[in-house]
Protein backbone atom coordinates (compact mmCIF):
# COMPACT_ATOMS: atom_id res chain seq x y z
CA MET A 1 14.27 -18.48 -37.03
CA PHE A 2 11.26 -17.40 -39.13
CA ARG A 3 11.90 -19.67 -42.11
CA ALA A 4 9.33 -22.36 -41.19
CA ASP A 5 6.55 -19.82 -40.51
CA LEU A 6 7.32 -17.89 -43.68
CA ALA A 7 7.41 -21.06 -45.78
CA LYS A 8 3.93 -21.97 -44.54
CA ALA A 9 2.58 -18.45 -45.09
CA VAL A 10 4.00 -18.09 -48.63
CA PRO A 11 3.50 -21.30 -50.58
CA ARG A 12 5.72 -21.72 -53.63
CA GLY A 13 4.23 -22.54 -57.00
CA GLY A 14 5.26 -25.53 -59.01
CA ARG A 15 8.40 -25.33 -61.11
CA SER A 16 6.76 -27.24 -63.95
CA ARG A 17 5.98 -24.02 -65.84
CA GLY A 18 9.64 -23.00 -65.91
CA GLY A 19 10.95 -19.50 -65.42
CA ARG A 20 13.17 -17.91 -62.84
CA PRO A 21 13.18 -19.53 -59.38
CA PRO A 22 11.17 -17.54 -56.82
CA PHE A 23 12.89 -15.39 -54.19
CA ASP A 24 13.58 -16.97 -50.82
CA PRO A 25 10.78 -16.16 -48.30
CA VAL A 26 13.31 -14.86 -45.76
CA LEU A 27 14.80 -12.52 -48.38
CA LYS A 28 11.30 -11.24 -49.20
CA PHE A 29 10.70 -10.58 -45.50
CA LYS A 30 13.99 -8.69 -45.22
CA MET A 31 13.05 -6.63 -48.28
CA LEU A 32 9.74 -5.65 -46.66
CA VAL A 33 11.55 -4.62 -43.48
CA LEU A 34 14.00 -2.53 -45.54
CA GLN A 35 11.08 -0.87 -47.33
CA ALA A 36 9.37 -0.03 -44.04
CA LEU A 37 12.54 1.31 -42.38
CA ASN A 38 13.66 3.41 -45.34
CA GLY A 39 10.23 4.43 -46.62
CA SER A 40 11.37 3.36 -50.07
CA SER A 41 9.56 2.15 -53.14
CA LEU A 42 9.88 -1.29 -54.66
CA GLU A 43 12.41 -0.03 -57.21
CA GLN A 44 14.56 1.62 -54.54
CA THR A 45 14.47 -1.51 -52.38
CA GLU A 46 15.43 -3.67 -55.34
CA LEU A 47 18.41 -1.39 -55.97
CA LEU A 48 19.45 -1.64 -52.29
CA VAL A 49 19.27 -5.45 -52.36
CA LYS A 50 21.11 -5.84 -55.67
CA ASP A 51 23.75 -3.29 -54.67
CA ARG A 52 24.62 -5.12 -51.48
């Protein structure tokens, strides 16, 4: 539902430089919501996302 708005708000860089692909904008949004609800740090949120 929010994918189009998030894609416009968070432009992706070019892949010409290589490296790991960027996170999906919807996943980033969900991570921010998790951080706000749990009052957790970036490291704790990353652990929650990778664990599930």
